[in-house]
Amino acid sequence: MVGDELRKTRLAAGLTQEQVAVRAKVSREYVSQIERGKYRVTVDVLVRLCAAMGTQGWKVLRQVEER
């Protein structure tokens, strides 16, 4: 759900998990686990990941809602 949308957003931005992780100050493994739905993302991390990808958290959440 949220992880799927984060992956789509990351790929659309042309970024790797490593690039997003470094920018958001989290581990690449954590990004991977969020994208695969193994971990739920907190609001704080969602905002940091989205900023790292050049978007806003509400846009990702909106896509989840519209699914």
C-alpha atoms as a PDB file:
ATOM      1  CA  MET A   1       0.000   0.000   0.000  1.00  0.00           C
ATOM      2  CA  VAL A   2       2.120   2.942   1.195  1.00  0.00           C
ATOM      3  CA  GLY A   3       5.269   1.005   0.355  1.00  0.00           C
ATOM      4  CA  ASP A   4       4.038   0.360  -3.177  1.00  0.00           C
ATOM      5  CA  GLU A   5       3.395   4.054  -3.706  1.00  0.00           C
ATOM      6  CA  LEU A   6       6.766   4.989  -2.254  1.00  0.00           C
ATOM      7  CA  ARG A   7       8.448   2.556  -4.670  1.00  0.00           C
ATOM      8  CA  LYS A   8       6.522   4.001  -7.629  1.00  0.00           C
ATOM      9  CA  THR A   9       7.463   7.518  -6.556  1.00  0.00           C
ATOM     10  CA  ARG A  10      11.120   6.572  -6.120  1.00  0.00           C
ATOM     11  CA  LEU A  11      11.297   4.911  -9.525  1.00  0.00           C
ATOM     12  CA  ALA A  12       9.528   7.849 -11.180  1.00  0.00           C
ATOM     13  CA  ALA A  13      12.160  10.130  -9.625  1.00  0.00           C
ATOM     14  CA  GLY A  14      14.899   7.908 -11.064  1.00  0.00           C
ATOM     15  CA  LEU A  15      16.407   7.193  -7.655  1.00  0.00           C
ATOM     16  CA  THR A  16      17.788   4.043  -6.080  1.00  0.00           C
ATOM     17  CA  GLN A  17      16.871   2.861  -2.622  1.00  0.00           C
ATOM     18  CA  GLU A  18      20.398   3.753  -1.533  1.00  0.00           C
ATOM     19  CA  GLN A  19      20.087   7.338  -2.795  1.00  0.00           C
ATOM     20  CA  VAL A  20      16.765   7.829  -1.032  1.00  0.00           C
ATOM     21  CA  ALA A  21      18.074   6.252   2.160  1.00  0.00           C
ATOM     22  CA  VAL A  22      21.123   8.513   2.290  1.00  0.00           C
ATOM     23  CA  ARG A  23      19.033  11.625   1.665  1.00  0.00           C
ATOM     24  CA  ALA A  24      16.424  10.602   4.258  1.00  0.00           C
ATOM     25  CA  LYS A  25      19.057   9.464   6.774  1.00  0.00           C
ATOM     26  CA  VAL A  26      17.755   5.905   7.080  1.00  0.00           C
ATOM     27  CA  SER A  27      19.230   2.591   6.001  1.00  0.00           C
ATOM     28  CA  ARG A  28      18.718   1.162   2.524  1.00  0.00           C
ATOM     29  CA  GLU A  29      17.411  -2.001   4.177  1.00  0.00           C
ATOM     30  CA  TYR A  30      14.748   0.041   5.976  1.00  0.00           C
ATOM     31  CA  VAL A  31      13.630   1.616   2.696  1.00  0.00           C
ATOM     32  CA  SER A  32      13.481  -1.847   1.144  1.00  0.00           C
ATOM     33  CA  GLN A  33      11.436  -3.247   4.015  1.00  0.00           C
ATOM     34  CA  ILE A  34       8.982  -0.335   3.864  1.00  0.00           C
ATOM     35  CA  GLU A  35       8.558  -0.769   0.106  1.00  0.00           C
ATOM     36  CA  ARG A  36       7.917  -4.500   0.559  1.00  0.00           C
ATOM     37  CA  GLY A  37       5.368  -3.892   3.321  1.00  0.00           C
ATOM     38  CA  LYS A  38       7.477  -5.518   6.042  1.00  0.00           C
ATOM     39  CA  TYR A  39       7.535  -2.330   8.132  1.00  0.00           C
ATOM     40  CA  ARG A  40       4.974   0.400   8.518  1.00  0.00           C
ATOM     41  CA  VAL A  41       6.331   3.851   7.914  1.00  0.00           C
ATOM     42  CA  THR A  42       5.970   6.570  10.557  1.00  0.00           C
ATOM     43  CA  VAL A  43       4.840  10.044   9.585  1.00  0.00           C
ATOM     44  CA  ASP A  44       8.318  11.394  10.309  1.00  0.00           C
ATOM     45  CA  VAL A  45      10.013   8.861   8.036  1.00  0.00           C
ATOM     46  CA  LEU A  46       7.341   9.266   5.352  1.00  0.00           C
ATOM     47  CA  VAL A  47       8.003  13.003   5.259  1.00  0.00           C
ATOM     48  CA  ARG A  48      11.782  12.451   5.093  1.00  0.00           C
ATOM     49  CA  LEU A  49      11.499   9.822   2.341  1.00  0.00           C
ATOM     50  CA  CYS A  50       9.191  12.011   0.295  1.00  0.00           C
ATOM     51  CA  ALA A  51      11.452  15.042   0.696  1.00  0.00           C
ATOM     52  CA  ALA A  52      14.368  12.866  -0.448  1.00  0.00           C
ATOM     53  CA  MET A  53      12.375  12.018  -3.583  1.00  0.00           C
ATOM     54  CA  GLY A  54      11.266  15.587  -4.223  1.00  0.00           C
ATOM     55  CA  THR A  55       7.602  15.130  -3.387  1.00  0.00           C
ATOM     56  CA  GLN A  56       5.262  15.584  -0.448  1.00  0.00           C
ATOM     57  CA  GLY A  57       3.836  12.950   1.857  1.00  0.00           C
ATOM     58  CA  TRP A  58       0.232  13.922   1.237  1.00  0.00           C
ATOM     59  CA  LYS A  59       0.653  13.145  -2.454  1.00  0.00           C
ATOM     60  CA  VAL A  60       1.780   9.605  -1.693  1.00  0.00           C
ATOM     61  CA  LEU A  61      -1.045   9.116   0.819  1.00  0.00           C
ATOM     62  CA  ARG A  62      -3.548  10.463  -1.687  1.00  0.00           C
ATOM     63  CA  GLN A  63      -2.447   7.824  -4.202  1.00  0.00           C
ATOM     64  CA  VAL A  64      -2.929   5.139  -1.533  1.00  0.00           C
ATOM     65  CA  GLU A  65      -6.434   6.422  -0.790  1.00  0.00           C
ATOM     66  CA  GLU A  66      -7.376   6.443  -4.463  1.00  0.00           C
ATOM     67  CA  ARG A  67      -6.435   2.770  -4.876  1.00  0.00           C
END
